[in-house]
Amino acid sequence: GDRLAGIYRDFGFGSRTGVELPGE
């Protein structure tokens, strides 16, 4: 579970991308 969650987070899941649009 921990390594799988880490892989997903490395790919950007679980955090905002920072795109210039409101409400992300």
PDB file of all heavy atoms in Angstrom:
ATOM      1  N   GLY A   1       0.790  -1.222   0.000  1.00  0.00           N
ATOM      2  CA  GLY A   1       0.000   0.000   0.000  1.00  0.00           C
ATOM      3  C   GLY A   1       0.821   1.270   0.000  1.00  0.00           C
ATOM      4  O   GLY A   1       0.526   2.219  -0.729  1.00  0.00           O
ATOM      5  N   ASP A   2       1.875   1.321   0.810  1.00  0.00           N
ATOM      6  CA  ASP A   2       2.665   2.545   0.913  1.00  0.00           C
ATOM      7  C   ASP A   2       3.407   2.851  -0.385  1.00  0.00           C
ATOM      8  O   ASP A   2       3.427   4.000  -0.845  1.00  0.00           O
ATOM      9  CB  ASP A   2       3.663   2.439   2.064  1.00  0.00           C
ATOM     10  CG  ASP A   2       2.976   2.434   3.423  1.00  0.00           C
ATOM     11  OD1 ASP A   2       1.801   2.856   3.490  1.00  0.00           O
ATOM     12  OD2 ASP A   2       3.602   1.992   4.400  1.00  0.00           O
ATOM     13  N   ARG A   3       4.015   1.838  -0.975  1.00  0.00           N
ATOM     14  CA  ARG A   3       4.754   2.069  -2.229  1.00  0.00           C
ATOM     15  C   ARG A   3       3.799   2.414  -3.369  1.00  0.00           C
ATOM     16  O   ARG A   3       4.101   3.269  -4.208  1.00  0.00           O
ATOM     17  CB  ARG A   3       5.584   0.839  -2.595  1.00  0.00           C
ATOM     18  CG  ARG A   3       6.776   0.601  -1.663  1.00  0.00           C
ATOM     19  CD  ARG A   3       7.470  -0.709  -1.981  1.00  0.00           C
ATOM     20  NE  ARG A   3       8.207  -0.661  -3.233  1.00  0.00           N
ATOM     21  CZ  ARG A   3       8.755  -1.715  -3.829  1.00  0.00           C
ATOM     22  NH1 ARG A   3       8.612  -2.923  -3.271  1.00  0.00           N
ATOM     23  NH2 ARG A   3       9.429  -1.597  -4.951  1.00  0.00           N
ATOM     24  N   LEU A   4       2.643   1.754  -3.407  1.00  0.00           N
ATOM     25  CA  LEU A   4       1.668   2.057  -4.453  1.00  0.00           C
ATOM     26  C   LEU A   4       1.173   3.492  -4.334  1.00  0.00           C
ATOM     27  O   LEU A   4       1.108   4.229  -5.327  1.00  0.00           O
ATOM     28  CB  LEU A   4       0.490   1.090  -4.369  1.00  0.00           C
ATOM     29  CG  LEU A   4      -0.646   1.315  -5.371  1.00  0.00           C
ATOM     30  CD1 LEU A   4      -0.131   1.256  -6.798  1.00  0.00           C
ATOM     31  CD2 LEU A   4      -1.766   0.299  -5.158  1.00  0.00           C
ATOM     32  N   ALA A   5       0.851   3.904  -3.103  1.00  0.00           N
ATOM     33  CA  ALA A   5       0.418   5.287  -2.896  1.00  0.00           C
ATOM     34  C   ALA A   5       1.529   6.262  -3.279  1.00  0.00           C
ATOM     35  O   ALA A   5       1.273   7.321  -3.867  1.00  0.00           O
ATOM     36  CB  ALA A   5       0.008   5.500  -1.441  1.00  0.00           C
ATOM     37  N   GLY A   6       2.775   5.908  -2.979  1.00  0.00           N
ATOM     38  CA  GLY A   6       3.902   6.762  -3.346  1.00  0.00           C
ATOM     39  C   GLY A   6       4.056   6.911  -4.841  1.00  0.00           C
ATOM     40  O   GLY A   6       4.375   7.998  -5.346  1.00  0.00           O
ATOM     41  N   ILE A   7       3.831   5.815  -5.579  1.00  0.00           N
ATOM     42  CA  ILE A   7       3.907   5.884  -7.046  1.00  0.00           C
ATOM     43  C   ILE A   7       2.855   6.837  -7.583  1.00  0.00           C
ATOM     44  O   ILE A   7       3.138   7.690  -8.436  1.00  0.00           O
ATOM     45  CB  ILE A   7       3.734   4.476  -7.657  1.00  0.00           C
ATOM     46  CG1 ILE A   7       4.979   3.633  -7.400  1.00  0.00           C
ATOM     47  CG2 ILE A   7       3.440   4.557  -9.155  1.00  0.00           C
ATOM     48  CD1 ILE A   7       4.813   2.169  -7.761  1.00  0.00           C
ATOM     49  N   TYR A   8       1.630   6.692  -7.086  1.00  0.00           N
ATOM     50  CA  TYR A   8       0.558   7.570  -7.553  1.00  0.00           C
ATOM     51  C   TYR A   8       0.855   9.032  -7.233  1.00  0.00           C
ATOM     52  O   TYR A   8       0.633   9.923  -8.060  1.00  0.00           O
ATOM     53  CB  TYR A   8      -0.769   7.160  -6.917  1.00  0.00           C
ATOM     54  CG  TYR A   8      -1.364   5.885  -7.487  1.00  0.00           C
ATOM     55  CD1 TYR A   8      -2.340   5.173  -6.779  1.00  0.00           C
ATOM     56  CD2 TYR A   8      -0.966   5.390  -8.717  1.00  0.00           C
ATOM     57  CE1 TYR A   8      -2.896   4.009  -7.291  1.00  0.00           C
ATOM     58  CE2 TYR A   8      -1.512   4.223  -9.239  1.00  0.00           C
ATOM     59  CZ  TYR A   8      -2.475   3.539  -8.523  1.00  0.00           C
ATOM     60  OH  TYR A   8      -3.026   2.393  -9.034  1.00  0.00           O
ATOM     61  N   ARG A   9       1.378   9.283  -6.054  1.00  0.00           N
ATOM     62  CA  ARG A   9       1.696  10.666  -5.678  1.00  0.00           C
ATOM     63  C   ARG A   9       2.838  11.214  -6.529  1.00  0.00           C
ATOM     64  O   ARG A   9       2.852  12.397  -6.863  1.00  0.00           O
ATOM     65  CB  ARG A   9       2.043  10.742  -4.190  1.00  0.00           C
ATOM     66  CG  ARG A   9       0.850  10.453  -3.276  1.00  0.00           C
ATOM     67  CD  ARG A   9       1.150  10.792  -1.826  1.00  0.00           C
ATOM     68  NE  ARG A   9       0.001  10.471  -0.973  1.00  0.00           N
ATOM     69  CZ  ARG A   9      -0.075   9.401  -0.189  1.00  0.00           C
ATOM     70  NH1 ARG A   9       0.957   8.567  -0.110  1.00  0.00           N
ATOM     71  NH2 ARG A   9      -1.149   9.179   0.537  1.00  0.00           N
ATOM     72  N   ASP A  10       3.816  10.363  -6.870  1.00  0.00           N
ATOM     73  CA  ASP A  10       4.903  10.806  -7.741  1.00  0.00           C
ATOM     74  C   ASP A  10       4.380  11.266  -9.097  1.00  0.00           C
ATOM     75  O   ASP A  10       4.925  12.191  -9.706  1.00  0.00           O
ATOM     76  CB  ASP A  10       5.925   9.684  -7.942  1.00  0.00           C
ATOM     77  CG  ASP A  10       6.820   9.488  -6.728  1.00  0.00           C
ATOM     78  OD1 ASP A  10       6.842  10.391  -5.859  1.00  0.00           O
ATOM     79  OD2 ASP A  10       7.486   8.437  -6.645  1.00  0.00           O
ATOM     80  N   PHE A  11       3.318  10.615  -9.582  1.00  0.00           N
ATOM     81  CA  PHE A  11       2.718  10.994 -10.860  1.00  0.00           C
ATOM     82  C   PHE A  11       1.792  12.200 -10.739  1.00  0.00           C
ATOM     83  O   PHE A  11       1.167  12.595 -11.725  1.00  0.00           O
ATOM     84  CB  PHE A  11       1.955   9.816 -11.470  1.00  0.00           C
ATOM     85  CG  PHE A  11       2.815   8.900 -12.291  1.00  0.00           C
ATOM     86  CD1 PHE A  11       3.317   7.724 -11.759  1.00  0.00           C
ATOM     87  CD2 PHE A  11       3.138   9.215 -13.607  1.00  0.00           C
ATOM     88  CE1 PHE A  11       4.107   6.872 -12.516  1.00  0.00           C
ATOM     89  CE2 PHE A  11       3.927   8.376 -14.373  1.00  0.00           C
ATOM     90  CZ  PHE A  11       4.419   7.200 -13.834  1.00  0.00           C
ATOM     91  N   GLY A  12       1.688  12.774  -9.545  1.00  0.00           N
ATOM     92  CA  GLY A  12       0.919  14.007  -9.373  1.00  0.00           C
ATOM     93  C   GLY A  12      -0.468  13.832  -8.801  1.00  0.00           C
ATOM     94  O   GLY A  12      -1.175  14.831  -8.583  1.00  0.00           O
ATOM     95  N   PHE A  13      -0.885  12.598  -8.536  1.00  0.00           N
ATOM     96  CA  PHE A  13      -2.212  12.382  -7.981  1.00  0.00           C
ATOM     97  C   PHE A  13      -2.213  12.725  -6.493  1.00  0.00           C
ATOM     98  O   PHE A  13      -1.252  12.464  -5.783  1.00  0.00           O
ATOM     99  CB  PHE A  13      -2.653  10.939  -8.205  1.00  0.00           C
ATOM    100  CG  PHE A  13      -2.699  10.555  -9.661  1.00  0.00           C
ATOM    101  CD1 PHE A  13      -1.696   9.777 -10.217  1.00  0.00           C
ATOM    102  CD2 PHE A  13      -3.726  11.012 -10.468  1.00  0.00           C
ATOM    103  CE1 PHE A  13      -1.720   9.437 -11.559  1.00  0.00           C
ATOM    104  CE2 PHE A  13      -3.757  10.675 -11.815  1.00  0.00           C
ATOM    105  CZ  PHE A  13      -2.753   9.888 -12.370  1.00  0.00           C
ATOM    106  N   GLY A  14      -3.317  13.321  -6.043  1.00  0.00           N
ATOM    107  CA  GLY A  14      -3.410  13.727  -4.647  1.00  0.00           C
ATOM    108  C   GLY A  14      -2.940  15.138  -4.382  1.00  0.00           C
ATOM    109  O   GLY A  14      -2.983  15.606  -3.241  1.00  0.00           O
ATOM    110  N   SER A  15      -2.501  15.866  -5.422  1.00  0.00           N
ATOM    111  CA  SER A  15      -2.091  17.265  -5.256  1.00  0.00           C
ATOM    112  C   SER A  15      -2.476  18.041  -6.511  1.00  0.00           C
ATOM    113  O   SER A  15      -2.576  17.480  -7.602  1.00  0.00           O
ATOM    114  CB  SER A  15      -0.579  17.375  -5.011  1.00  0.00           C
ATOM    115  OG  SER A  15       0.141  16.804  -6.086  1.00  0.00           O
ATOM    116  N   ARG A  16      -2.695  19.319  -6.356  1.00  0.00           N
ATOM    117  CA  ARG A  16      -3.104  20.167  -7.482  1.00  0.00           C
ATOM    118  C   ARG A  16      -1.949  20.339  -8.468  1.00  0.00           C
ATOM    119  O   ARG A  16      -0.794  20.425  -8.073  1.00  0.00           O
ATOM    120  CB  ARG A  16      -3.590  21.520  -6.982  1.00  0.00           C
ATOM    121  CG  ARG A  16      -4.872  21.428  -6.160  1.00  0.00           C
ATOM    122  CD  ARG A  16      -5.316  22.804  -5.653  1.00  0.00           C
ATOM    123  NE  ARG A  16      -6.584  22.705  -4.945  1.00  0.00           N
ATOM    124  CZ  ARG A  16      -6.709  22.424  -3.657  1.00  0.00           C
ATOM    125  NH1 ARG A  16      -5.611  22.204  -2.929  1.00  0.00           N
ATOM    126  NH2 ARG A  16      -7.896  22.349  -3.090  1.00  0.00           N
ATOM    127  N   THR A  17      -2.297  20.458  -9.733  1.00  0.00           N
ATOM    128  CA  THR A  17      -1.269  20.616 -10.772  1.00  0.00           C
ATOM    129  C   THR A  17      -0.744  22.040 -10.843  1.00  0.00           C
ATOM    130  O   THR A  17       0.349  22.269 -11.349  1.00  0.00           O
ATOM    131  CB  THR A  17      -1.834  20.241 -12.147  1.00  0.00           C
ATOM    132  OG1 THR A  17      -2.854  21.190 -12.524  1.00  0.00           O
ATOM    133  CG2 THR A  17      -2.424  18.840 -12.150  1.00  0.00           C
ATOM    134  N   GLY A  18      -1.544  23.024 -10.366  1.00  0.00           N
ATOM    135  CA  GLY A  18      -1.132  24.422 -10.445  1.00  0.00           C
ATOM    136  C   GLY A  18      -1.561  25.103 -11.721  1.00  0.00           C
ATOM    137  O   GLY A  18      -1.090  26.200 -12.032  1.00  0.00           O
ATOM    138  N   VAL A  19      -2.491  24.510 -12.477  1.00  0.00           N
ATOM    139  CA  VAL A  19      -2.978  25.137 -13.702  1.00  0.00           C
ATOM    140  C   VAL A  19      -3.698  26.442 -13.364  1.00  0.00           C
ATOM    141  O   VAL A  19      -4.241  26.608 -12.269  1.00  0.00           O
ATOM    142  CB  VAL A  19      -3.933  24.171 -14.456  1.00  0.00           C
ATOM    143  CG1 VAL A  19      -5.243  24.008 -13.708  1.00  0.00           C
ATOM    144  CG2 VAL A  19      -4.164  24.631 -15.886  1.00  0.00           C
ATOM    145  N   GLU A  20      -3.714  27.381 -14.328  1.00  0.00           N
ATOM    146  CA  GLU A  20      -4.238  28.722 -14.067  1.00  0.00           C
ATOM    147  C   GLU A  20      -5.760  28.777 -14.143  1.00  0.00           C
ATOM    148  O   GLU A  20      -6.341  29.616 -14.842  1.00  0.00           O
ATOM    149  CB  GLU A  20      -3.653  29.732 -15.065  1.00  0.00           C
ATOM    150  CG  GLU A  20      -2.145  29.757 -15.132  1.00  0.00           C
ATOM    151  CD  GLU A  20      -1.588  28.917 -16.274  1.00  0.00           C
ATOM    152  OE1 GLU A  20      -2.161  27.833 -16.538  1.00  0.00           O
ATOM    153  OE2 GLU A  20      -0.614  29.340 -16.900  1.00  0.00           O
ATOM    154  N   LEU A  21      -6.442  27.910 -13.433  1.00  0.00           N
ATOM    155  CA  LEU A  21      -7.899  27.893 -13.398  1.00  0.00           C
ATOM    156  C   LEU A  21      -8.363  27.768 -11.956  1.00  0.00           C
ATOM    157  O   LEU A  21      -7.728  27.068 -11.156  1.00  0.00           O
ATOM    158  CB  LEU A  21      -8.455  26.725 -14.230  1.00  0.00           C
ATOM    159  CG  LEU A  21      -8.451  26.899 -15.743  1.00  0.00           C
ATOM    160  CD1 LEU A  21      -8.818  25.596 -16.440  1.00  0.00           C
ATOM    161  CD2 LEU A  21      -9.418  28.005 -16.170  1.00  0.00           C
ATOM    162  N   PRO A  22      -9.471  28.406 -11.602  1.00  0.00           N
ATOM    163  CA  PRO A  22      -9.950  28.337 -10.210  1.00  0.00           C
ATOM    164  C   PRO A  22     -10.634  27.012  -9.905  1.00  0.00           C
ATOM    165  O   PRO A  22     -11.153  26.334 -10.794  1.00  0.00           O
ATOM    166  CB  PRO A  22     -10.961  29.494 -10.147  1.00  0.00           C
ATOM    167  CG  PRO A  22     -11.477  29.627 -11.547  1.00  0.00           C
ATOM    168  CD  PRO A  22     -10.308  29.295 -12.446  1.00  0.00           C
ATOM    169  N   GLY A  23     -10.626  26.655  -8.643  1.00  0.00           N
ATOM    170  CA  GLY A  23     -11.386  25.494  -8.186  1.00  0.00           C
ATOM    171  C   GLY A  23     -10.787  24.149  -8.503  1.00  0.00           C
ATOM    172  O   GLY A  23     -11.509  23.141  -8.526  1.00  0.00           O
ATOM    173  N   GLU A  24      -9.471  24.076  -8.733  1.00  0.00           N
ATOM    174  CA  GLU A  24      -8.881  22.789  -9.092  1.00  0.00           C
ATOM    175  C   GLU A  24      -8.954  21.806  -7.927  1.00  0.00           C
ATOM    176  O   GLU A  24      -8.673  22.145  -6.783  1.00  0.00           O
ATOM    177  CB  GLU A  24      -7.424  22.955  -9.519  1.00  0.00           C
ATOM    178  CG  GLU A  24      -6.805  21.629  -9.960  1.00  0.00           C
ATOM    179  CD  GLU A  24      -5.337  21.731 -10.327  1.00  0.00           C
ATOM    180  OE1 GLU A  24      -4.731  22.788 -10.097  1.00  0.00           O
ATOM    181  OE2 GLU A  24      -4.799  20.732 -10.851  1.00  0.00           O
TER     182      GLU A  24
END
